[in-house]
Amino acid sequence: MPIPDFVLALRSRVGNELLWLPGVSAVVIHRDGRLLLGRRADNGLWAVVSGILEPGEQPALAAVREVLEETGIHAVVEGLAAVSSSFEPVQYENGDRAQYLDLTFLCHAVGTDDPHVADDESTAVGWFSADALPAPLMKSSRERIARALAYRAHPENGTWFARPAPVG
């Protein structure tokens, strides 16, 4: 998986130390209700399309960019479905450690219906019914899909985020 140049520059200074990175995930829905997923090249798990924001990049535009780069599908953002962070740092094979802030966007596909592997981040891509998701599916993707579908069903409830305990 390609590492963005700005992350490589940071790594040249901090080595494998923990980095806090902003990311986006796109839960893309086909007009017939199916969901767009990719099988990740790095771990073999199915997942929603996701990626790291470039410095100064607008998050919704990053989500649309990632979908196009990874699947060839054009997406339109409908709303911000969830804001969350990973509970545990990720440690990669090379020893790099990272923890992510994730902005999950609900999107719909426009144009072509035929996704294809468009870069080296996925080994397969496809549309799947929400009640027949492929395995193995990343746990975080299952959560992101559930939150995006809840947002789609009831946008009046707003964006999901962890709420602090009530005071008093």
N, C-alpha and C. Protein backbone atom coordinates (compact mmCIF):
# COMPACT_ATOMS: atom_id res chain seq x y z
N MET A 1 0.85 -1.16 0.00
CA MET A 1 0.00 0.00 0.00
C MET A 1 0.90 1.23 0.00
N PRO A 2 0.64 2.16 -0.88
CA PRO A 2 1.50 3.34 -0.93
C PRO A 2 1.34 4.21 0.33
N ILE A 3 2.45 4.69 0.80
CA ILE A 3 2.44 5.58 1.96
C ILE A 3 2.54 7.01 1.43
N PRO A 4 1.62 7.90 1.84
CA PRO A 4 1.68 9.28 1.34
C PRO A 4 3.03 9.93 1.65
N ASP A 5 3.46 10.81 0.76
CA ASP A 5 4.76 11.48 0.91
C ASP A 5 4.88 12.21 2.24
N PHE A 6 3.79 12.85 2.70
CA PHE A 6 3.90 13.60 3.95
C PHE A 6 4.11 12.66 5.14
N VAL A 7 3.55 11.44 5.07
CA VAL A 7 3.76 10.47 6.14
C VAL A 7 5.20 9.96 6.09
N LEU A 8 5.73 9.73 4.88
CA LEU A 8 7.14 9.32 4.75
C LEU A 8 8.06 10.38 5.35
N ALA A 9 7.75 11.66 5.11
CA ALA A 9 8.56 12.74 5.66
C ALA A 9 8.50 12.73 7.19
N LEU A 10 7.31 12.53 7.75
CA LEU A 10 7.17 12.43 9.20
C LEU A 10 7.94 11.23 9.74
N ARG A 11 7.81 10.10 9.07
CA ARG A 11 8.49 8.89 9.51
C ARG A 11 10.01 9.06 9.50
N SER A 12 10.52 9.87 8.56
CA SER A 12 11.97 10.10 8.52
C SER A 12 12.46 10.81 9.77
N ARG A 13 11.55 11.49 10.47
CA ARG A 13 11.90 12.23 11.68
C ARG A 13 11.55 11.48 12.97
N VAL A 14 10.42 10.74 12.95
CA VAL A 14 9.94 10.11 14.18
C VAL A 14 10.08 8.59 14.18
N GLY A 15 10.55 8.05 13.08
CA GLY A 15 10.70 6.59 13.01
C GLY A 15 9.35 5.90 13.09
N ASN A 16 9.30 4.83 13.90
CA ASN A 16 8.08 4.03 14.02
C ASN A 16 7.13 4.53 15.10
N GLU A 17 7.45 5.68 15.72
CA GLU A 17 6.61 6.20 16.81
C GLU A 17 5.17 6.37 16.34
N LEU A 18 4.27 6.38 17.32
CA LEU A 18 2.85 6.50 17.06
C LEU A 18 2.51 7.83 16.39
N LEU A 19 1.80 7.75 15.27
CA LEU A 19 1.29 8.94 14.58
C LEU A 19 -0.23 8.96 14.71
N TRP A 20 -0.78 10.14 14.94
CA TRP A 20 -2.23 10.37 14.96
C TRP A 20 -2.58 10.94 13.60
N LEU A 21 -3.41 10.21 12.83
CA LEU A 21 -3.68 10.60 11.45
C LEU A 21 -5.18 10.71 11.18
N PRO A 22 -5.59 11.75 10.45
CA PRO A 22 -7.00 11.86 10.06
C PRO A 22 -7.27 11.01 8.83
N GLY A 23 -8.41 10.32 8.86
CA GLY A 23 -8.78 9.49 7.73
C GLY A 23 -10.26 9.65 7.40
N VAL A 24 -10.62 9.12 6.25
CA VAL A 24 -12.01 9.12 5.81
C VAL A 24 -12.40 7.72 5.38
N SER A 25 -13.68 7.42 5.57
CA SER A 25 -14.26 6.18 5.06
C SER A 25 -15.51 6.55 4.29
N ALA A 26 -15.77 5.81 3.22
CA ALA A 26 -16.94 6.07 2.39
C ALA A 26 -17.81 4.83 2.33
N VAL A 27 -19.02 4.94 2.86
CA VAL A 27 -20.00 3.88 2.72
C VAL A 27 -20.82 4.27 1.49
N VAL A 28 -20.52 3.61 0.37
CA VAL A 28 -21.13 3.97 -0.91
C VAL A 28 -22.27 3.01 -1.20
N ILE A 29 -23.43 3.60 -1.48
CA ILE A 29 -24.64 2.81 -1.74
C ILE A 29 -25.05 2.94 -3.20
N HIS A 30 -25.26 1.80 -3.82
CA HIS A 30 -25.76 1.72 -5.21
C HIS A 30 -27.24 2.08 -5.19
N ARG A 31 -27.78 2.49 -6.30
CA ARG A 31 -29.20 2.87 -6.34
C ARG A 31 -30.13 1.71 -5.95
N ASP A 32 -29.64 0.45 -6.06
CA ASP A 32 -30.46 -0.70 -5.66
C ASP A 32 -30.23 -1.11 -4.20
N GLY A 33 -29.40 -0.32 -3.46
CA GLY A 33 -29.19 -0.57 -2.05
C GLY A 33 -27.95 -1.35 -1.69
N ARG A 34 -27.25 -1.91 -2.69
CA ARG A 34 -26.04 -2.67 -2.39
C ARG A 34 -24.91 -1.72 -1.97
N LEU A 35 -23.93 -2.27 -1.26
CA LEU A 35 -22.80 -1.51 -0.72
C LEU A 35 -21.52 -1.85 -1.47
N LEU A 36 -20.68 -0.84 -1.65
CA LEU A 36 -19.40 -1.00 -2.34
C LEU A 36 -18.32 -1.35 -1.32
N LEU A 37 -17.64 -2.46 -1.54
CA LEU A 37 -16.55 -2.90 -0.67
C LEU A 37 -15.35 -3.33 -1.49
N GLY A 38 -14.19 -3.24 -0.85
CA GLY A 38 -12.96 -3.70 -1.48
C GLY A 38 -12.25 -4.69 -0.57
N ARG A 39 -11.56 -5.64 -1.17
CA ARG A 39 -10.74 -6.58 -0.39
C ARG A 39 -9.34 -6.01 -0.33
N ARG A 40 -8.90 -5.66 0.87
CA ARG A 40 -7.64 -4.96 1.08
C ARG A 40 -6.44 -5.85 0.72
N ALA A 41 -5.49 -5.26 0.02
CA ALA A 41 -4.29 -5.99 -0.36
C ALA A 41 -3.37 -6.25 0.83
N ASP A 42 -3.43 -5.38 1.85
CA ASP A 42 -2.49 -5.51 2.97
C ASP A 42 -2.87 -6.59 3.97
N ASN A 43 -4.18 -6.88 4.12
CA ASN A 43 -4.57 -7.87 5.12
C ASN A 43 -5.60 -8.88 4.63
N GLY A 44 -6.08 -8.74 3.39
CA GLY A 44 -7.02 -9.69 2.83
C GLY A 44 -8.45 -9.55 3.31
N LEU A 45 -8.71 -8.55 4.14
CA LEU A 45 -10.06 -8.35 4.67
C LEU A 45 -10.88 -7.44 3.76
N TRP A 46 -12.18 -7.70 3.70
CA TRP A 46 -13.09 -6.81 2.99
C TRP A 46 -13.34 -5.58 3.86
N ALA A 47 -13.53 -4.42 3.21
CA ALA A 47 -13.69 -3.17 3.95
C ALA A 47 -14.37 -2.12 3.08
N VAL A 48 -14.94 -1.12 3.75
CA VAL A 48 -15.40 0.05 3.01
C VAL A 48 -14.17 0.80 2.52
N VAL A 49 -14.34 1.61 1.52
CA VAL A 49 -13.22 2.39 0.99
C VAL A 49 -12.80 3.42 2.03
N SER A 50 -11.50 3.52 2.27
CA SER A 50 -11.00 4.47 3.25
C SER A 50 -9.61 4.93 2.86
N GLY A 51 -9.16 5.99 3.52
CA GLY A 51 -7.82 6.50 3.25
C GLY A 51 -7.47 7.67 4.15
N ILE A 52 -6.22 8.07 4.04
CA ILE A 52 -5.69 9.18 4.84
C ILE A 52 -5.88 10.48 4.07
N LEU A 53 -6.26 11.53 4.80
CA LEU A 53 -6.35 12.85 4.18
C LEU A 53 -4.95 13.39 3.90
N GLU A 54 -4.80 14.07 2.80
CA GLU A 54 -3.59 14.81 2.50
C GLU A 54 -3.65 16.12 3.27
N PRO A 55 -2.52 16.71 3.63
CA PRO A 55 -2.56 17.99 4.35
C PRO A 55 -3.40 19.03 3.59
N GLY A 56 -4.34 19.64 4.30
CA GLY A 56 -5.18 20.68 3.73
C GLY A 56 -6.34 20.18 2.89
N GLU A 57 -6.46 18.88 2.69
CA GLU A 57 -7.53 18.33 1.86
C GLU A 57 -8.86 18.35 2.61
N GLN A 58 -9.91 18.71 1.92
CA GLN A 58 -11.24 18.69 2.51
C GLN A 58 -11.69 17.24 2.66
N PRO A 59 -12.19 16.85 3.84
CA PRO A 59 -12.53 15.44 4.08
C PRO A 59 -13.53 14.83 3.10
N ALA A 60 -14.61 15.52 2.78
CA ALA A 60 -15.60 14.94 1.86
C ALA A 60 -14.99 14.72 0.48
N LEU A 61 -14.14 15.66 0.04
CA LEU A 61 -13.47 15.50 -1.25
C LEU A 61 -12.49 14.33 -1.21
N ALA A 62 -11.85 14.12 -0.07
CA ALA A 62 -10.94 12.99 0.08
C ALA A 62 -11.69 11.67 -0.03
N ALA A 63 -12.88 11.59 0.55
CA ALA A 63 -13.68 10.37 0.46
C ALA A 63 -14.03 10.05 -0.99
N VAL A 64 -14.46 11.06 -1.72
CA VAL A 64 -14.81 10.89 -3.14
C VAL A 64 -13.57 10.48 -3.93
N ARG A 65 -12.44 11.11 -3.64
CA ARG A 65 -11.18 10.78 -4.33
C ARG A 65 -10.79 9.33 -4.08
N GLU A 66 -10.86 8.90 -2.81
CA GLU A 66 -10.48 7.53 -2.46
C GLU A 66 -11.36 6.51 -3.19
N VAL A 67 -12.67 6.76 -3.25
CA VAL A 67 -13.58 5.84 -3.94
C VAL A 67 -13.19 5.71 -5.41
N LEU A 68 -12.95 6.83 -6.06
CA LEU A 68 -12.58 6.80 -7.47
C LEU A 68 -11.23 6.11 -7.68
N GLU A 69 -10.24 6.46 -6.85
CA GLU A 69 -8.91 5.87 -6.99
C GLU A 69 -8.90 4.37 -6.77
N GLU A 70 -9.71 3.89 -5.83
CA GLU A 70 -9.66 2.48 -5.47
C GLU A 70 -10.62 1.60 -6.26
N THR A 71 -11.73 2.18 -6.76
CA THR A 71 -12.77 1.34 -7.38
C THR A 71 -13.22 1.80 -8.76
N GLY A 72 -12.82 3.00 -9.18
CA GLY A 72 -13.29 3.53 -10.45
C GLY A 72 -14.72 4.04 -10.41
N ILE A 73 -15.33 4.05 -9.24
CA ILE A 73 -16.72 4.50 -9.08
C ILE A 73 -16.74 5.97 -8.67
N HIS A 74 -17.61 6.74 -9.32
CA HIS A 74 -17.82 8.13 -8.93
C HIS A 74 -18.87 8.14 -7.82
N ALA A 75 -18.58 8.87 -6.76
CA ALA A 75 -19.48 8.93 -5.62
C ALA A 75 -19.84 10.37 -5.30
N VAL A 76 -21.01 10.54 -4.72
CA VAL A 76 -21.47 11.84 -4.24
C VAL A 76 -21.74 11.69 -2.74
N VAL A 77 -21.19 12.61 -1.96
CA VAL A 77 -21.38 12.57 -0.51
C VAL A 77 -22.77 13.08 -0.17
N GLU A 78 -23.49 12.31 0.66
CA GLU A 78 -24.81 12.71 1.15
C GLU A 78 -24.72 13.34 2.52
N GLY A 79 -23.77 12.90 3.34
CA GLY A 79 -23.65 13.46 4.67
C GLY A 79 -22.56 12.79 5.47
N LEU A 80 -22.22 13.42 6.57
CA LEU A 80 -21.25 12.89 7.53
C LEU A 80 -22.00 11.98 8.49
N ALA A 81 -21.78 10.67 8.38
CA ALA A 81 -22.54 9.70 9.16
C ALA A 81 -21.96 9.47 10.55
N ALA A 82 -20.63 9.54 10.68
CA ALA A 82 -20.02 9.21 11.98
C ALA A 82 -18.63 9.82 12.10
N VAL A 83 -18.29 10.13 13.34
CA VAL A 83 -16.94 10.59 13.69
C VAL A 83 -16.46 9.66 14.81
N SER A 84 -15.32 9.01 14.60
CA SER A 84 -14.83 8.08 15.61
C SER A 84 -13.31 8.00 15.55
N SER A 85 -12.75 7.37 16.56
CA SER A 85 -11.31 7.12 16.55
C SER A 85 -11.09 5.65 16.87
N SER A 86 -9.97 5.14 16.36
CA SER A 86 -9.63 3.75 16.67
C SER A 86 -9.23 3.69 18.15
N PHE A 87 -9.66 2.63 18.81
CA PHE A 87 -9.37 2.49 20.24
C PHE A 87 -7.93 2.06 20.48
N GLU A 88 -7.42 1.26 19.59
CA GLU A 88 -6.07 0.74 19.74
C GLU A 88 -5.22 1.20 18.56
N PRO A 89 -3.96 1.50 18.80
CA PRO A 89 -3.07 1.81 17.69
C PRO A 89 -2.91 0.59 16.77
N VAL A 90 -2.67 0.86 15.51
CA VAL A 90 -2.38 -0.18 14.53
C VAL A 90 -0.87 -0.29 14.42
N GLN A 91 -0.35 -1.50 14.42
CA GLN A 91 1.07 -1.69 14.18
C GLN A 91 1.22 -2.44 12.88
N TYR A 92 1.97 -1.85 11.95
CA TYR A 92 2.17 -2.44 10.64
C TYR A 92 3.39 -3.36 10.66
N GLU A 93 3.51 -4.18 9.62
CA GLU A 93 4.59 -5.16 9.54
C GLU A 93 5.97 -4.53 9.67
N ASN A 94 6.12 -3.29 9.18
CA ASN A 94 7.43 -2.63 9.24
C ASN A 94 7.70 -1.97 10.59
N GLY A 95 6.74 -2.11 11.54
CA GLY A 95 6.91 -1.55 12.87
C GLY A 95 6.26 -0.19 13.07
N ASP A 96 5.85 0.47 11.98
CA ASP A 96 5.17 1.76 12.10
C ASP A 96 3.90 1.60 12.92
N ARG A 97 3.63 2.61 13.78
CA ARG A 97 2.41 2.62 14.58
C ARG A 97 1.60 3.86 14.25
N ALA A 98 0.27 3.67 14.16
CA ALA A 98 -0.62 4.79 13.86
C ALA A 98 -1.95 4.58 14.56
N GLN A 99 -2.59 5.68 14.84
CA GLN A 99 -3.95 5.68 15.37
C GLN A 99 -4.72 6.69 14.52
N TYR A 100 -5.99 6.40 14.26
CA TYR A 100 -6.73 7.17 13.27
C TYR A 100 -7.99 7.83 13.83
N LEU A 101 -8.22 9.05 13.38
CA LEU A 101 -9.51 9.72 13.51
C LEU A 101 -10.22 9.41 12.20
N ASP A 102 -11.43 8.86 12.27
CA ASP A 102 -12.16 8.50 11.06
C ASP A 102 -13.43 9.33 10.93
N LEU A 103 -13.60 9.88 9.75
CA LEU A 103 -14.83 10.57 9.37
C LEU A 103 -15.52 9.67 8.34
N THR A 104 -16.67 9.10 8.71
CA THR A 104 -17.38 8.19 7.82
C THR A 104 -18.47 8.95 7.08
N PHE A 105 -18.38 8.92 5.76
CA PHE A 105 -19.35 9.62 4.91
C PHE A 105 -20.29 8.62 4.26
N LEU A 106 -21.58 8.96 4.26
CA LEU A 106 -22.57 8.22 3.49
C LEU A 106 -22.53 8.80 2.08
N CYS A 107 -22.39 7.94 1.10
CA CYS A 107 -22.30 8.38 -0.30
C CYS A 107 -23.22 7.53 -1.17
N HIS A 108 -23.52 8.04 -2.34
CA HIS A 108 -24.19 7.22 -3.34
C HIS A 108 -23.38 7.27 -4.62
N ALA A 109 -23.48 6.19 -5.37
CA ALA A 109 -22.72 6.05 -6.62
C ALA A 109 -23.47 6.71 -7.77
N VAL A 110 -22.71 7.28 -8.69
CA VAL A 110 -23.28 7.84 -9.91
C VAL A 110 -22.47 7.33 -11.10
N GLY A 111 -23.10 7.28 -12.24
CA GLY A 111 -22.38 6.84 -13.44
C GLY A 111 -22.33 5.33 -13.54
N THR A 112 -21.17 4.81 -13.87
CA THR A 112 -21.00 3.39 -14.12
C THR A 112 -21.36 2.53 -12.90
N ASP A 113 -21.88 1.35 -13.17
CA ASP A 113 -22.22 0.39 -12.12
C ASP A 113 -21.13 -0.64 -11.89
N ASP A 114 -20.08 -0.58 -12.69
CA ASP A 114 -19.07 -1.63 -12.69
C ASP A 114 -17.79 -1.20 -11.99
N PRO A 115 -17.65 -1.52 -10.70
CA PRO A 115 -16.40 -1.20 -10.02
C PRO A 115 -15.29 -2.12 -10.53
N HIS A 116 -14.07 -1.64 -10.41
CA HIS A 116 -12.91 -2.45 -10.76
C HIS A 116 -11.76 -2.07 -9.86
N VAL A 117 -10.82 -2.99 -9.69
CA VAL A 117 -9.63 -2.69 -8.91
C VAL A 117 -8.87 -1.63 -9.69
N ALA A 118 -8.73 -0.45 -9.10
CA ALA A 118 -8.14 0.69 -9.82
C ALA A 118 -6.77 1.08 -9.29
N ASP A 119 -6.30 0.42 -8.22
CA ASP A 119 -4.95 0.69 -7.71
C ASP A 119 -4.46 -0.55 -6.99
N ASP A 120 -3.32 -0.44 -6.33
CA ASP A 120 -2.74 -1.62 -5.67
C ASP A 120 -3.20 -1.79 -4.22
N GLU A 121 -4.20 -1.02 -3.77
CA GLU A 121 -4.67 -1.13 -2.40
C GLU A 121 -5.70 -2.23 -2.21
N SER A 122 -6.30 -2.70 -3.32
CA SER A 122 -7.32 -3.75 -3.24
C SER A 122 -6.98 -4.88 -4.20
N THR A 123 -7.46 -6.07 -3.85
CA THR A 123 -7.31 -7.21 -4.76
C THR A 123 -8.63 -7.55 -5.44
N ALA A 124 -9.74 -7.02 -4.91
CA ALA A 124 -11.06 -7.22 -5.49
C ALA A 124 -11.97 -6.11 -4.99
N VAL A 125 -12.97 -5.77 -5.77
CA VAL A 125 -13.99 -4.81 -5.36
C VAL A 125 -15.33 -5.29 -5.88
N GLY A 126 -16.41 -4.89 -5.21
CA GLY A 126 -17.72 -5.30 -5.68
C GLY A 126 -18.84 -4.72 -4.85
N TRP A 127 -20.05 -4.95 -5.35
CA TRP A 127 -21.28 -4.52 -4.67
C TRP A 127 -21.82 -5.70 -3.88
N PHE A 128 -22.30 -5.42 -2.65
CA PHE A 128 -22.81 -6.47 -1.78
C PHE A 128 -24.07 -6.00 -1.07
N SER A 129 -25.01 -6.92 -0.92
CA SER A 129 -26.21 -6.63 -0.16
C SER A 129 -25.84 -6.47 1.31
N ALA A 130 -26.51 -5.56 1.99
CA ALA A 130 -26.21 -5.32 3.41
C ALA A 130 -26.48 -6.56 4.26
N ASP A 131 -27.34 -7.45 3.80
CA ASP A 131 -27.61 -8.67 4.56
C ASP A 131 -26.79 -9.86 4.07
N ALA A 132 -25.84 -9.62 3.18
CA ALA A 132 -24.97 -10.69 2.68
C ALA A 132 -23.57 -10.13 2.44
N LEU A 133 -22.99 -9.54 3.48
CA LEU A 133 -21.65 -8.95 3.35
C LEU A 133 -20.60 -10.05 3.28
N PRO A 134 -19.52 -9.81 2.53
CA PRO A 134 -18.50 -10.85 2.38
C PRO A 134 -17.68 -11.03 3.66
N ALA A 135 -17.07 -12.18 3.76
CA ALA A 135 -16.18 -12.47 4.88
C ALA A 135 -14.80 -12.80 4.31
N PRO A 136 -13.79 -12.48 5.05
CA PRO A 136 -13.80 -11.79 6.33
C PRO A 136 -13.95 -10.28 6.13
N LEU A 137 -14.79 -9.66 6.95
CA LEU A 137 -15.06 -8.23 6.89
C LEU A 137 -14.42 -7.56 8.11
N MET A 138 -13.72 -6.45 7.88
CA MET A 138 -13.11 -5.71 8.98
C MET A 138 -14.19 -5.28 9.97
N LYS A 139 -13.92 -5.45 11.26
CA LYS A 139 -14.86 -5.05 12.31
C LYS A 139 -15.21 -3.57 12.19
N SER A 140 -14.21 -2.75 11.94
CA SER A 140 -14.46 -1.31 11.83
C SER A 140 -15.39 -1.00 10.66
N SER A 141 -15.31 -1.76 9.58
CA SER A 141 -16.20 -1.55 8.44
C SER A 141 -17.63 -1.92 8.78
N ARG A 142 -17.80 -3.01 9.53
CA ARG A 142 -19.15 -3.40 9.97
C ARG A 142 -19.78 -2.26 10.78
N GLU A 143 -18.99 -1.66 11.68
CA GLU A 143 -19.48 -0.54 12.50
C GLU A 143 -19.79 0.67 11.63
N ARG A 144 -18.92 0.99 10.70
CA ARG A 144 -19.12 2.14 9.83
C ARG A 144 -20.36 1.97 8.95
N ILE A 145 -20.55 0.76 8.44
CA ILE A 145 -21.75 0.48 7.63
C ILE A 145 -23.00 0.66 8.48
N ALA A 146 -23.01 0.11 9.68
CA ALA A 146 -24.19 0.23 10.55
C ALA A 146 -24.50 1.69 10.85
N ARG A 147 -23.47 2.47 11.13
CA ARG A 147 -23.69 3.89 11.45
C ARG A 147 -24.17 4.67 10.24
N ALA A 148 -23.63 4.35 9.06
CA ALA A 148 -24.05 5.04 7.84
C ALA A 148 -25.49 4.69 7.47
N LEU A 149 -25.85 3.42 7.64
CA LEU A 149 -27.23 3.03 7.33
C LEU A 149 -28.21 3.62 8.34
N ALA A 150 -27.80 3.74 9.59
CA ALA A 150 -28.65 4.40 10.60
C ALA A 150 -28.83 5.87 10.24
N TYR A 151 -27.75 6.51 9.81
CA TYR A 151 -27.82 7.92 9.40
C TYR A 151 -28.75 8.07 8.20
N ARG A 152 -28.63 7.15 7.25
CA ARG A 152 -29.47 7.19 6.05
C ARG A 152 -30.95 7.05 6.43
N ALA A 153 -31.25 6.14 7.36
CA ALA A 153 -32.64 5.90 7.78
C ALA A 153 -33.21 7.06 8.57
N HIS A 154 -32.36 7.72 9.37
CA HIS A 154 -32.82 8.81 10.24
C HIS A 154 -31.81 9.95 10.27
N PRO A 155 -31.67 10.69 9.17
CA PRO A 155 -30.70 11.79 9.16
C PRO A 155 -31.01 12.85 10.21
N GLU A 156 -32.26 12.92 10.64
CA GLU A 156 -32.63 13.91 11.66
C GLU A 156 -31.93 13.63 12.99
N ASN A 157 -31.42 12.42 13.19
CA ASN A 157 -30.68 12.09 14.41
C ASN A 157 -29.25 12.62 14.37
N GLY A 158 -28.82 13.05 13.21
CA GLY A 158 -27.49 13.64 13.07
C GLY A 158 -26.36 12.63 12.98
N THR A 159 -25.18 13.15 13.00
CA THR A 159 -23.95 12.37 12.90
C THR A 159 -23.71 11.60 14.19
N TRP A 160 -23.29 10.33 14.06
CA TRP A 160 -22.94 9.53 15.24
C TRP A 160 -21.58 9.97 15.76
N PHE A 161 -21.46 10.10 17.07
CA PHE A 161 -20.17 10.30 17.73
C PHE A 161 -20.32 9.80 19.15
N ALA A 162 -19.20 9.42 19.76
CA ALA A 162 -19.23 8.97 21.15
C ALA A 162 -19.60 10.16 22.02
N ARG A 163 -20.59 9.99 22.82
CA ARG A 163 -21.04 11.08 23.67
C ARG A 163 -20.47 10.94 25.08
N PRO A 164 -20.06 12.05 25.67
CA PRO A 164 -19.55 11.97 27.04
C PRO A 164 -20.66 11.61 28.01
N ALA A 165 -20.26 11.03 29.14
CA ALA A 165 -21.23 10.69 30.17
C ALA A 165 -21.85 11.97 30.71
N PRO A 166 -23.13 11.91 31.07
CA PRO A 166 -23.78 13.11 31.62
C PRO A 166 -23.09 13.57 32.91
N VAL A 167 -23.07 14.85 33.09
CA VAL A 167 -22.47 15.43 34.29
C VAL A 167 -23.55 15.52 35.37
N GLY A 168 -23.17 15.15 36.58
CA GLY A 168 -24.09 15.34 37.71
C GLY A 168 -24.83 14.16 38.01
